[in-house]
C-alpha atoms as a PDB file:
ATOM      1  CA  UNK A   1      20.098  -4.613  -7.992  1.00  0.00           C
ATOM      2  CA  UNK A   2      17.794  -4.227  -4.968  1.00  0.00           C
ATOM      3  CA  UNK A   3      14.803  -3.697  -7.279  1.00  0.00           C
ATOM      4  CA  UNK A   4      15.669  -6.922  -9.107  1.00  0.00           C
ATOM      5  CA  UNK A   5      15.835  -8.801  -5.807  1.00  0.00           C
ATOM      6  CA  UNK A   6      12.473  -7.382  -4.727  1.00  0.00           C
ATOM      7  CA  UNK A   7      10.918  -8.397  -8.029  1.00  0.00           C
ATOM      8  CA  UNK A   8      12.319 -11.908  -7.579  1.00  0.00           C
ATOM      9  CA  UNK A   9      10.936 -12.131  -4.053  1.00  0.00           C
ATOM     10  CA  UNK A  10       7.522 -10.973  -5.256  1.00  0.00           C
ATOM     11  CA  UNK A  11       7.476 -13.552  -8.046  1.00  0.00           C
ATOM     12  CA  UNK A  12       8.360 -16.344  -5.610  1.00  0.00           C
ATOM     13  CA  UNK A  13       5.634 -15.260  -3.194  1.00  0.00           C
ATOM     14  CA  UNK A  14       3.134 -15.177  -6.047  1.00  0.00           C
ATOM     15  CA  UNK A  15       3.951 -18.820  -6.751  1.00  0.00           C
ATOM     16  CA  UNK A  16       3.253 -19.744  -3.126  1.00  0.00           C
ATOM     17  CA  UNK A  17      -0.313 -18.447  -3.366  1.00  0.00           C
ATOM     18  CA  UNK A  18      -1.206 -21.097  -5.948  1.00  0.00           C
ATOM     19  CA  UNK A  19      -5.004 -20.671  -5.669  1.00  0.00           C
ATOM     20  CA  UNK A  20      -4.965 -16.956  -6.308  1.00  0.00           C
ATOM     21  CA  UNK A  21      -6.426 -14.922  -9.157  1.00  0.00           C
ATOM     22  CA  UNK A  22      -5.478 -11.265  -9.357  1.00  0.00           C
ATOM     23  CA  UNK A  23      -5.715  -8.116 -11.429  1.00  0.00           C
ATOM     24  CA  UNK A  24      -3.484  -5.030 -11.402  1.00  0.00           C
ATOM     25  CA  UNK A  25      -4.980  -1.639 -12.249  1.00  0.00           C
ATOM     26  CA  UNK A  26      -4.582   2.122 -11.794  1.00  0.00           C
ATOM     27  CA  UNK A  27      -6.956   4.305  -9.798  1.00  0.00           C
ATOM     28  CA  UNK A  28      -9.313   6.061 -12.244  1.00  0.00           C
ATOM     29  CA  UNK A  29     -10.051   9.819 -12.329  1.00  0.00           C
ATOM     30  CA  UNK A  30     -12.363  11.065  -9.595  1.00  0.00           C
ATOM     31  CA  UNK A  31     -16.109  11.210 -10.190  1.00  0.00           C
ATOM     32  CA  UNK A  32     -18.925  12.986  -8.364  1.00  0.00           C
ATOM     33  CA  UNK A  33     -21.141  10.688  -6.309  1.00  0.00           C
ATOM     34  CA  UNK A  34     -24.493  12.432  -5.623  1.00  0.00           C
ATOM     35  CA  UNK A  35     -26.517  12.177  -2.453  1.00  0.00           C
ATOM     36  CA  UNK A  36     -29.781  11.621  -4.333  1.00  0.00           C
ATOM     37  CA  UNK A  37     -30.871   8.028  -4.801  1.00  0.00           C
ATOM     38  CA  UNK A  38     -29.852   5.685  -6.244  1.00  0.00           C
ATOM     39  CA  UNK A  39     -26.358   5.853  -4.751  1.00  0.00           C
ATOM     40  CA  UNK A  40     -23.602   3.274  -4.575  1.00  0.00           C
ATOM     41  CA  UNK A  41     -24.807   2.333  -1.113  1.00  0.00           C
ATOM     42  CA  UNK A  42     -28.191   1.342  -2.556  1.00  0.00           C
ATOM     43  CA  UNK A  43     -26.536  -1.479  -4.478  1.00  0.00           C
ATOM     44  CA  UNK A  44     -26.083  -3.465  -1.236  1.00  0.00           C
ATOM     45  CA  UNK A  45     -22.746  -4.844  -2.411  1.00  0.00           C
ATOM     46  CA  UNK A  46     -19.540  -5.129  -0.412  1.00  0.00           C
ATOM     47  CA  UNK A  47     -17.122  -2.210  -0.564  1.00  0.00           C
ATOM     48  CA  UNK A  48     -13.330  -2.371  -0.312  1.00  0.00           C
ATOM     49  CA  UNK A  49     -11.103   0.637   0.316  1.00  0.00           C
ATOM     50  CA  UNK A  50      -7.322   1.008   0.754  1.00  0.00           C
ATOM     51  CA  UNK A  51      -7.843   1.326   4.520  1.00  0.00           C
ATOM     52  CA  UNK A  52     -10.377  -1.512   4.725  1.00  0.00           C
ATOM     53  CA  UNK A  53      -9.115  -3.695   1.934  1.00  0.00           C
ATOM     54  CA  UNK A  54      -9.849  -7.306   2.898  1.00  0.00           C
ATOM     55  CA  UNK A  55     -12.991  -9.365   3.200  1.00  0.00           C
ATOM     56  CA  UNK A  56     -13.590 -13.063   3.850  1.00  0.00           C
ATOM     57  CA  UNK A  57     -16.815 -14.254   2.328  1.00  0.00           C
ATOM     58  CA  UNK A  58     -18.511 -16.802   0.074  1.00  0.00           C
ATOM     59  CA  UNK A  59     -19.150 -16.287  -3.630  1.00  0.00           C
ATOM     60  CA  UNK A  60     -21.656 -18.179  -5.735  1.00  0.00           C
ATOM     61  CA  UNK A  61     -20.250 -20.391  -8.496  1.00  0.00           C
ATOM     62  CA  UNK A  62     -21.726 -22.585 -11.198  1.00  0.00           C
ATOM     63  CA  UNK A  63     -20.702 -24.676 -14.153  1.00  0.00           C
ATOM     64  CA  UNK A  64     -20.210 -22.659 -17.352  1.00  0.00           C
ATOM     65  CA  UNK A  65     -23.091 -22.657 -19.817  1.00  0.00           C
ATOM     66  CA  UNK A  66     -24.142 -20.791 -22.950  1.00  0.00           C
ATOM     67  CA  UNK A  67     -25.628 -17.830 -21.089  1.00  0.00           C
ATOM     68  CA  UNK A  68     -22.831 -17.669 -18.491  1.00  0.00           C
ATOM     69  CA  UNK A  69     -19.677 -19.005 -20.185  1.00  0.00           C
ATOM     70  CA  UNK A  70     -17.397 -17.854 -17.352  1.00  0.00           C
ATOM     71  CA  UNK A  71     -19.576 -18.766 -14.383  1.00  0.00           C
ATOM     72  CA  UNK A  72     -21.584 -16.680 -11.957  1.00  0.00           C
ATOM     73  CA  UNK A  73     -20.713 -13.056 -11.233  1.00  0.00           C
ATOM     74  CA  UNK A  74     -20.118 -11.395  -7.873  1.00  0.00           C
ATOM     75  CA  UNK A  75     -19.828  -7.598  -7.756  1.00  0.00           C
ATOM     76  CA  UNK A  76     -17.975  -5.310  -5.346  1.00  0.00           C
ATOM     77  CA  UNK A  77     -17.192  -1.608  -5.194  1.00  0.00           C
ATOM     78  CA  UNK A  78     -13.574  -0.415  -4.909  1.00  0.00           C
ATOM     79  CA  UNK A  79     -13.898   3.002  -3.297  1.00  0.00           C
ATOM     80  CA  UNK A  80     -11.659   5.839  -2.068  1.00  0.00           C
ATOM     81  CA  UNK A  81      -8.919   5.001  -4.562  1.00  0.00           C
ATOM     82  CA  UNK A  82      -6.181   7.472  -5.513  1.00  0.00           C
ATOM     83  CA  UNK A  83      -6.116   8.569  -9.127  1.00  0.00           C
ATOM     84  CA  UNK A  84      -3.103   7.095 -10.911  1.00  0.00           C
ATOM     85  CA  UNK A  85      -2.138   4.898  -7.937  1.00  0.00           C
ATOM     86  CA  UNK A  86      -1.308   1.288  -8.756  1.00  0.00           C
ATOM     87  CA  UNK A  87      -3.383  -1.391  -7.022  1.00  0.00           C
ATOM     88  CA  UNK A  88      -3.717  -5.152  -6.984  1.00  0.00           C
ATOM     89  CA  UNK A  89      -6.908  -7.046  -6.266  1.00  0.00           C
ATOM     90  CA  UNK A  90      -6.558 -10.705  -5.259  1.00  0.00           C
ATOM     91  CA  UNK A  91      -9.049 -13.515  -4.841  1.00  0.00           C
ATOM     92  CA  UNK A  92      -7.697 -16.439  -2.786  1.00  0.00           C
ATOM     93  CA  UNK A  93      -9.468 -19.740  -2.245  1.00  0.00           C
ATOM     94  CA  UNK A  94      -8.779 -23.244  -0.957  1.00  0.00           C
ATOM     95  CA  UNK A  95      -7.608 -26.065  -3.217  1.00  0.00           C
ATOM     96  CA  UNK A  96     -10.427 -28.207  -1.843  1.00  0.00           C
ATOM     97  CA  UNK A  97     -12.870 -26.138  -3.925  1.00  0.00           C
ATOM     98  CA  UNK A  98     -11.662 -26.348  -7.548  1.00  0.00           C
ATOM     99  CA  UNK A  99     -12.851 -23.139  -9.193  1.00  0.00           C
ATOM    100  CA  UNK A 100     -11.789 -21.011 -12.126  1.00  0.00           C
ATOM    101  CA  UNK A 101     -11.942 -17.279 -11.391  1.00  0.00           C
ATOM    102  CA  UNK A 102     -11.866 -14.232 -13.641  1.00  0.00           C
ATOM    103  CA  UNK A 103     -11.284 -10.821 -12.047  1.00  0.00           C
ATOM    104  CA  UNK A 104     -12.197  -7.675 -14.008  1.00  0.00           C
ATOM    105  CA  UNK A 105     -12.532  -4.004 -13.016  1.00  0.00           C
ATOM    106  CA  UNK A 106     -14.803  -1.476 -14.716  1.00  0.00           C
ATOM    107  CA  UNK A 107     -14.972   2.281 -14.489  1.00  0.00           C
ATOM    108  CA  UNK A 108     -18.245   4.037 -13.704  1.00  0.00           C
ATOM    109  CA  UNK A 109     -18.617   5.405 -17.234  1.00  0.00           C
ATOM    110  CA  UNK A 110     -17.905   2.025 -18.841  1.00  0.00           C
ATOM    111  CA  UNK A 111     -20.487   0.394 -16.605  1.00  0.00           C
ATOM    112  CA  UNK A 112     -23.173   2.942 -17.474  1.00  0.00           C
ATOM    113  CA  UNK A 113     -22.493   2.643 -21.202  1.00  0.00           C
ATOM    114  CA  UNK A 114     -22.569  -1.190 -21.304  1.00  0.00           C
ATOM    115  CA  UNK A 115     -26.104  -2.621 -20.920  1.00  0.00           C
ATOM    116  CA  UNK A 116     -24.841  -6.167 -20.283  1.00  0.00           C
ATOM    117  CA  UNK A 117     -22.675  -5.053 -17.356  1.00  0.00           C
ATOM    118  CA  UNK A 118     -25.369  -2.792 -15.958  1.00  0.00           C
ATOM    119  CA  UNK A 119     -27.909  -5.602 -16.162  1.00  0.00           C
ATOM    120  CA  UNK A 120     -25.522  -8.004 -14.430  1.00  0.00           C
ATOM    121  CA  UNK A 121     -24.845  -5.560 -11.605  1.00  0.00           C
ATOM    122  CA  UNK A 122     -28.571  -4.878 -11.232  1.00  0.00           C
ATOM    123  CA  UNK A 123     -29.342  -8.595 -10.995  1.00  0.00           C
ATOM    124  CA  UNK A 124     -26.653  -9.131  -8.369  1.00  0.00           C
ATOM    125  CA  UNK A 125     -27.929  -6.101  -6.444  1.00  0.00           C
ATOM    126  CA  UNK A 126     -31.405  -7.603  -6.354  1.00  0.00           C
ATOM    127  CA  UNK A 127     -29.923 -10.869  -5.123  1.00  0.00           C
ATOM    128  CA  UNK A 128     -28.176  -9.031  -2.282  1.00  0.00           C
ATOM    129  CA  UNK A 129     -31.390  -7.232  -1.365  1.00  0.00           C
ATOM    130  CA  UNK A 130     -33.058 -10.631  -1.149  1.00  0.00           C
ATOM    131  CA  UNK A 131     -30.437 -11.595   1.457  1.00  0.00           C
ATOM    132  CA  UNK A 132     -31.077  -8.517   3.584  1.00  0.00           C
ATOM    133  CA  UNK A 133     -32.731 -10.633   6.262  1.00  0.00           C
ATOM    134  CA  UNK A 134     -29.453 -12.503   6.702  1.00  0.00           C
ATOM    135  CA  UNK A 135     -27.559 -10.814   9.605  1.00  0.00           C
ATOM    136  CA  UNK A 136     -24.188 -11.760   8.107  1.00  0.00           C
ATOM    137  CA  UNK A 137     -25.100 -10.065   4.834  1.00  0.00           C
ATOM    138  CA  UNK A 138     -26.250  -6.917   6.643  1.00  0.00           C
ATOM    139  CA  UNK A 139     -23.021  -6.646   8.636  1.00  0.00           C
ATOM    140  CA  UNK A 140     -20.906  -6.869   5.475  1.00  0.00           C
ATOM    141  CA  UNK A 141     -22.862  -4.238   3.546  1.00  0.00           C
ATOM    142  CA  UNK A 142     -23.275  -1.445   6.093  1.00  0.00           C
ATOM    143  CA  UNK A 143     -19.697  -0.145   5.766  1.00  0.00           C
ATOM    144  CA  UNK A 144     -20.077   0.998   2.173  1.00  0.00           C
ATOM    145  CA  UNK A 145     -23.438   2.703   2.750  1.00  0.00           C
ATOM    146  CA  UNK A 146     -22.273   4.806   5.673  1.00  0.00           C
ATOM    147  CA  UNK A 147     -19.427   6.236   3.633  1.00  0.00           C
ATOM    148  CA  UNK A 148     -21.807   7.546   0.923  1.00  0.00           C
ATOM    149  CA  UNK A 149     -24.200   9.819   2.823  1.00  0.00           C
ATOM    150  CA  UNK A 150     -23.290  13.053   1.032  1.00  0.00           C
ATOM    151  CA  UNK A 151     -22.095  14.177  -2.360  1.00  0.00           C
ATOM    152  CA  UNK A 152     -18.377  13.783  -2.768  1.00  0.00           C
ATOM    153  CA  UNK A 153     -15.653  13.264  -5.328  1.00  0.00           C
ATOM    154  CA  UNK A 154     -13.986   9.895  -5.261  1.00  0.00           C
ATOM    155  CA  UNK A 155     -12.016   7.499  -7.437  1.00  0.00           C
ATOM    156  CA  UNK A 156     -14.162   4.399  -7.718  1.00  0.00           C
ATOM    157  CA  UNK A 157     -14.187   1.157  -9.716  1.00  0.00           C
ATOM    158  CA  UNK A 158     -16.581  -1.761  -9.949  1.00  0.00           C
ATOM    159  CA  UNK A 159     -15.102  -5.220  -9.460  1.00  0.00           C
ATOM    160  CA  UNK A 160     -16.610  -8.245 -11.176  1.00  0.00           C
ATOM    161  CA  UNK A 161     -15.559 -11.705  -9.995  1.00  0.00           C
ATOM    162  CA  UNK A 162     -16.651 -14.584 -12.229  1.00  0.00           C
ATOM    163  CA  UNK A 163     -16.572 -18.016 -10.574  1.00  0.00           C
ATOM    164  CA  UNK A 164     -16.898 -21.204 -12.624  1.00  0.00           C
ATOM    165  CA  UNK A 165     -16.858 -24.654 -11.032  1.00  0.00           C
ATOM    166  CA  UNK A 166     -13.843 -26.631 -12.250  1.00  0.00           C
ATOM    167  CA  UNK A 167     -14.407 -30.218 -11.155  1.00  0.00           C
ATOM    168  CA  UNK A 168     -16.228 -33.424 -12.018  1.00  0.00           C
ATOM    169  CA  UNK A 169     -17.699 -35.863  -9.524  1.00  0.00           C
ATOM    170  CA  UNK A 170     -20.056 -38.833  -9.473  1.00  0.00           C
ATOM    171  CA  UNK A 171     -21.983 -37.017  -6.750  1.00  0.00           C
ATOM    172  CA  UNK A 172     -25.102 -35.849  -8.597  1.00  0.00           C
ATOM    173  CA  UNK A 173     -25.932 -33.309  -5.911  1.00  0.00           C
ATOM    174  CA  UNK A 174     -22.581 -31.520  -6.307  1.00  0.00           C
ATOM    175  CA  UNK A 175     -22.937 -31.602 -10.084  1.00  0.00           C
ATOM    176  CA  UNK A 176     -26.408 -30.090  -9.857  1.00  0.00           C
ATOM    177  CA  UNK A 177     -25.883 -27.573  -7.023  1.00  0.00           C
ATOM    178  CA  UNK A 178     -22.406 -26.048  -6.853  1.00  0.00           C
ATOM    179  CA  UNK A 179     -21.612 -25.037  -3.248  1.00  0.00           C
ATOM    180  CA  UNK A 180     -20.489 -21.444  -2.549  1.00  0.00           C
ATOM    181  CA  UNK A 181     -16.740 -20.917  -2.636  1.00  0.00           C
ATOM    182  CA  UNK A 182     -15.004 -19.602   0.482  1.00  0.00           C
ATOM    183  CA  UNK A 183     -12.687 -16.766  -0.619  1.00  0.00           C
ATOM    184  CA  UNK A 184     -10.544 -13.933   0.655  1.00  0.00           C
ATOM    185  CA  UNK A 185     -10.783 -10.772  -1.455  1.00  0.00           C
ATOM    186  CA  UNK A 186      -7.904  -8.340  -0.903  1.00  0.00           C
ATOM    187  CA  UNK A 187      -7.327  -4.827  -2.251  1.00  0.00           C
ATOM    188  CA  UNK A 188      -3.611  -4.068  -2.029  1.00  0.00           C
ATOM    189  CA  UNK A 189      -2.047  -0.683  -2.939  1.00  0.00           C
ATOM    190  CA  UNK A 190       1.436  -0.753  -4.455  1.00  0.00           C
ATOM    191  CA  UNK A 191       4.268   1.034  -2.627  1.00  0.00           C
ATOM    192  CA  UNK A 192       6.191   3.306  -5.010  1.00  0.00           C
ATOM    193  CA  UNK A 193       4.633   1.279  -7.822  1.00  0.00           C
ATOM    194  CA  UNK A 194       6.983  -1.644  -7.071  1.00  0.00           C
ATOM    195  CA  UNK A 195       5.199  -4.188  -4.890  1.00  0.00           C
ATOM    196  CA  UNK A 196       1.963  -4.605  -2.922  1.00  0.00           C
ATOM    197  CA  UNK A 197       1.911  -3.054   0.548  1.00  0.00           C
ATOM    198  CA  UNK A 198       1.047  -6.353   2.254  1.00  0.00           C
ATOM    199  CA  UNK A 199       4.372  -7.805   1.122  1.00  0.00           C
ATOM    200  CA  UNK A 200       6.489  -5.156   2.878  1.00  0.00           C
ATOM    201  CA  UNK A 201       6.940  -7.233   6.076  1.00  0.00           C
ATOM    202  CA  UNK A 202       8.038 -10.237   4.004  1.00  0.00           C
ATOM    203  CA  UNK A 203      10.468  -8.153   1.964  1.00  0.00           C
ATOM    204  CA  UNK A 204      11.819  -6.559   5.147  1.00  0.00           C
ATOM    205  CA  UNK A 205      12.381  -9.993   6.643  1.00  0.00           C
ATOM    206  CA  UNK A 206      14.187 -11.174   3.502  1.00  0.00           C
ATOM    207  CA  UNK A 207      16.403  -8.060   3.461  1.00  0.00           C
ATOM    208  CA  UNK A 208      17.337  -8.493   7.144  1.00  0.00           C
ATOM    209  CA  UNK A 209      18.125 -12.182   6.624  1.00  0.00           C
ATOM    210  CA  UNK A 210      20.222 -11.321   3.551  1.00  0.00           C
ATOM    211  CA  UNK A 211      22.234  -8.688   5.454  1.00  0.00           C
ATOM    212  CA  UNK A 212      22.822 -10.966   8.451  1.00  0.00           C
ATOM    213  CA  UNK A 213      23.777 -13.821   6.117  1.00  0.00           C
ATOM    214  CA  UNK A 214      26.302 -11.594   4.353  1.00  0.00           C
ATOM    215  CA  UNK A 215      28.044 -10.684   7.622  1.00  0.00           C
ATOM    216  CA  UNK A 216      28.049 -14.312   8.748  1.00  0.00           C
ATOM    217  CA  UNK A 217      29.513 -15.370   5.391  1.00  0.00           C
ATOM    218  CA  UNK A 218      32.224 -12.707   5.679  1.00  0.00           C
ATOM    219  CA  UNK A 219      33.117 -13.852   9.196  1.00  0.00           C
ATOM    220  CA  UNK A 220      33.270 -17.506   8.130  1.00  0.00           C
ATOM    221  CA  UNK A 221      35.407 -16.581   5.102  1.00  0.00           C
ATOM    222  CA  UNK A 222      37.909 -14.678   7.285  1.00  0.00           C
ATOM    223  CA  UNK A 223      38.112 -17.557   9.765  1.00  0.00           C
ATOM    224  CA  UNK A 224      38.696 -20.109   6.989  1.00  0.00           C
ATOM    225  CA  UNK A 225      41.475 -18.023   5.454  1.00  0.00           C
ATOM    226  CA  UNK A 226      43.043 -17.576   8.898  1.00  0.00           C
ATOM    227  CA  UNK A 227      42.979 -21.305   9.617  1.00  0.00           C
ATOM    228  CA  UNK A 228      44.387 -22.063   6.183  1.00  0.00           C
ATOM    229  CA  UNK A 229      47.277 -19.669   6.772  1.00  0.00           C
ATOM    230  CA  UNK A 230      48.055 -21.265  10.146  1.00  0.00           C
ATOM    231  CA  UNK A 231      48.097 -24.817   8.813  1.00  0.00           C
ATOM    232  CA  UNK A 232      50.145 -24.090   5.680  1.00  0.00           C
ATOM    233  CA  UNK A 233      53.908 -24.750   6.379  1.00  0.00           C
ATOM    234  CA  UNK A 234      56.225 -21.907   5.537  1.00  0.00           C
ATOM    235  CA  UNK A 235      58.754 -22.583   2.786  1.00  0.00           C
ATOM    236  CA  UNK A 236      62.368 -22.463   3.931  1.00  0.00           C
ATOM    237  CA  UNK A 237      64.511 -19.858   2.231  1.00  0.00           C
ATOM    238  CA  UNK A 238      67.484 -21.520   0.480  1.00  0.00           C
END
């Protein structure tokens, strides 16, 4: 019964985050990451880990076209995962920026064997290198590079976020140049495979409120029955 209640709470919370796109996946088998270049750090993309699993940034978006039917792609690395562990990745954005998102994860082997994906990641990597002179971009990318200085075994996935503009306006500038979308990207491990870790405080609050409400309801029920007994006249025995 408790599991059912937790599932209900999670579904209600998911409805609250209306502008949220997410994907649920399992940590892949570990792979060897060599020290020799090129390494993951050379990609200059943002890295999320279970211990550093949230980033607030801007992603590029555009209107869908023949070459990019789902919009423009942003790539991240999901590192230091646990094999077989259940995770959720969420992209949250404001309703003032109507955008359609697609969130997909790829394993290292799949990426290497798919030329289209490898080409897309390479193009985005070049774009990030172009932004190296931007201090904000440098500060976001240094974390992943420092963690990859030596050969190691790790469970890693590549995250592709496709952003397509989903609006129409008479403003020709906005129709020609889609502004970047302000997003929060969150990597959330599941606890016991039941619910994301970030929801534990909310679930704890709901459980405490439910327990307190039960005791209050019991007390009120006893008081009502007591008052009813006092006000009911006793029948005289003939």
